[in-house]
């Protein structure tokens, strides 16, 4: 049985964490925030449990 993984979009990450978009991307660059999961050319998400 595979685990149920929930993916969330950037706007939900912002609401959940209270961080701004620029801060989230700065933390990703520094390696202290989970990287994005690319679904297709226009859609990126994050794994909710990692946020």
N, C-alpha and C. Protein backbone atom coordinates (compact mmCIF):
# COMPACT_ATOMS: atom_id res chain seq x y z
N UNK A 1 0.84 -1.19 0.00
CA UNK A 1 0.00 0.00 0.00
C UNK A 1 0.89 1.25 0.00
N UNK A 2 0.61 2.19 -0.89
CA UNK A 2 1.40 3.42 -0.97
C UNK A 2 0.82 4.47 -0.03
N UNK A 3 1.68 5.30 0.54
CA UNK A 3 1.19 6.35 1.44
C UNK A 3 0.41 7.41 0.67
N UNK A 4 -0.52 8.04 1.34
CA UNK A 4 -1.31 9.11 0.75
C UNK A 4 -0.56 10.42 0.92
N UNK A 5 -0.04 10.95 -0.19
CA UNK A 5 0.74 12.18 -0.15
C UNK A 5 -0.11 13.32 -0.67
N UNK A 6 -0.23 14.39 0.12
CA UNK A 6 -1.00 15.55 -0.29
C UNK A 6 -0.05 16.63 -0.79
N UNK A 7 -0.31 17.14 -1.98
CA UNK A 7 0.49 18.21 -2.57
C UNK A 7 -0.27 19.52 -2.43
N UNK A 8 0.46 20.59 -2.11
CA UNK A 8 -0.19 21.89 -1.96
C UNK A 8 0.53 22.94 -2.81
N UNK A 9 -0.22 23.94 -3.23
CA UNK A 9 0.31 25.01 -4.07
C UNK A 9 0.93 26.10 -3.22
N UNK A 10 1.65 27.01 -3.87
CA UNK A 10 2.37 28.07 -3.17
C UNK A 10 1.45 28.91 -2.29
N UNK A 11 0.28 29.28 -2.78
CA UNK A 11 -0.61 30.13 -1.97
C UNK A 11 -0.99 29.45 -0.67
N UNK A 12 -1.14 28.12 -0.69
CA UNK A 12 -1.44 27.39 0.53
C UNK A 12 -0.23 27.32 1.46
N UNK A 13 0.95 27.24 0.89
CA UNK A 13 2.18 27.26 1.69
C UNK A 13 2.30 28.60 2.41
N UNK A 14 2.01 29.68 1.70
CA UNK A 14 2.07 31.03 2.28
C UNK A 14 1.10 31.15 3.44
N UNK A 15 -0.13 30.67 3.25
CA UNK A 15 -1.14 30.73 4.32
C UNK A 15 -0.73 29.86 5.50
N UNK A 16 -0.23 28.67 5.22
CA UNK A 16 0.14 27.72 6.28
C UNK A 16 1.32 28.21 7.11
N UNK A 17 2.34 28.76 6.43
CA UNK A 17 3.58 29.15 7.13
C UNK A 17 3.59 30.60 7.59
N UNK A 18 2.83 31.45 6.92
CA UNK A 18 2.88 32.88 7.23
C UNK A 18 4.08 33.57 6.60
N UNK A 19 4.83 32.84 5.76
CA UNK A 19 6.00 33.41 5.08
C UNK A 19 5.60 34.03 3.75
N UNK A 20 6.37 35.01 3.31
CA UNK A 20 6.12 35.60 2.00
C UNK A 20 6.69 34.71 0.91
N UNK A 21 6.26 34.95 -0.32
CA UNK A 21 6.75 34.19 -1.46
C UNK A 21 8.27 34.31 -1.59
N UNK A 22 8.78 35.53 -1.47
CA UNK A 22 10.22 35.74 -1.63
C UNK A 22 11.01 35.04 -0.51
N UNK A 23 10.49 35.03 0.69
CA UNK A 23 11.16 34.35 1.80
C UNK A 23 11.18 32.85 1.57
N UNK A 24 10.09 32.30 1.08
CA UNK A 24 10.03 30.86 0.80
C UNK A 24 11.10 30.49 -0.22
N UNK A 25 11.20 31.24 -1.32
CA UNK A 25 12.19 30.94 -2.34
C UNK A 25 13.62 31.16 -1.85
N UNK A 26 13.81 32.15 -0.97
CA UNK A 26 15.13 32.37 -0.38
C UNK A 26 15.52 31.16 0.48
N UNK A 27 14.59 30.64 1.26
CA UNK A 27 14.84 29.47 2.10
C UNK A 27 15.10 28.22 1.25
N UNK A 28 14.41 28.09 0.12
CA UNK A 28 14.65 26.97 -0.79
C UNK A 28 16.09 27.05 -1.31
N UNK A 29 16.52 28.24 -1.73
CA UNK A 29 17.89 28.43 -2.23
C UNK A 29 18.94 28.09 -1.18
N UNK A 30 18.63 28.39 0.09
CA UNK A 30 19.57 28.11 1.18
C UNK A 30 19.50 26.65 1.63
N UNK A 31 18.51 25.91 1.13
CA UNK A 31 18.38 24.51 1.49
C UNK A 31 17.68 24.25 2.81
N UNK A 32 16.96 25.24 3.33
CA UNK A 32 16.28 25.06 4.61
C UNK A 32 14.76 24.96 4.47
N UNK A 33 14.28 24.88 3.25
CA UNK A 33 12.85 24.71 2.99
C UNK A 33 12.71 23.66 1.91
N UNK A 34 11.66 22.84 1.96
CA UNK A 34 11.51 21.77 0.96
C UNK A 34 11.46 22.31 -0.47
N UNK A 35 12.08 21.59 -1.36
CA UNK A 35 12.06 21.95 -2.78
C UNK A 35 10.67 21.69 -3.37
N UNK A 36 10.43 22.26 -4.53
CA UNK A 36 9.15 22.10 -5.20
C UNK A 36 9.07 20.73 -5.89
N UNK A 37 7.85 20.29 -6.10
CA UNK A 37 7.57 19.08 -6.87
C UNK A 37 6.92 19.55 -8.17
N UNK A 38 7.57 19.32 -9.30
CA UNK A 38 7.05 19.78 -10.59
C UNK A 38 6.12 18.72 -11.17
N UNK A 39 4.88 19.12 -11.43
CA UNK A 39 3.90 18.20 -12.02
C UNK A 39 3.90 18.27 -13.53
N UNK A 40 4.01 19.48 -14.06
CA UNK A 40 4.14 19.68 -15.51
C UNK A 40 4.82 21.02 -15.73
N UNK A 41 4.85 21.49 -16.95
CA UNK A 41 5.59 22.71 -17.29
C UNK A 41 5.09 23.94 -16.54
N UNK A 42 3.83 23.94 -16.12
CA UNK A 42 3.26 25.13 -15.48
C UNK A 42 2.82 24.92 -14.04
N UNK A 43 2.95 23.72 -13.51
CA UNK A 43 2.42 23.43 -12.18
C UNK A 43 3.50 22.90 -11.25
N UNK A 44 3.73 23.65 -10.17
CA UNK A 44 4.65 23.18 -9.14
C UNK A 44 3.91 23.15 -7.81
N UNK A 45 4.26 22.18 -6.98
CA UNK A 45 3.62 22.01 -5.69
C UNK A 45 4.67 21.67 -4.65
N UNK A 46 4.23 21.49 -3.43
CA UNK A 46 5.08 21.01 -2.36
C UNK A 46 4.36 19.88 -1.64
N UNK A 47 5.12 18.99 -1.03
CA UNK A 47 4.52 17.93 -0.23
C UNK A 47 4.11 18.56 1.10
N UNK A 48 2.83 18.48 1.42
CA UNK A 48 2.29 19.17 2.60
C UNK A 48 3.02 18.76 3.88
N UNK A 49 3.31 17.49 4.05
CA UNK A 49 3.94 17.02 5.29
C UNK A 49 5.37 17.55 5.45
N UNK A 50 6.00 18.02 4.36
CA UNK A 50 7.35 18.56 4.44
C UNK A 50 7.38 20.05 4.77
N UNK A 51 6.23 20.70 4.60
CA UNK A 51 6.16 22.16 4.82
C UNK A 51 6.07 22.47 6.26
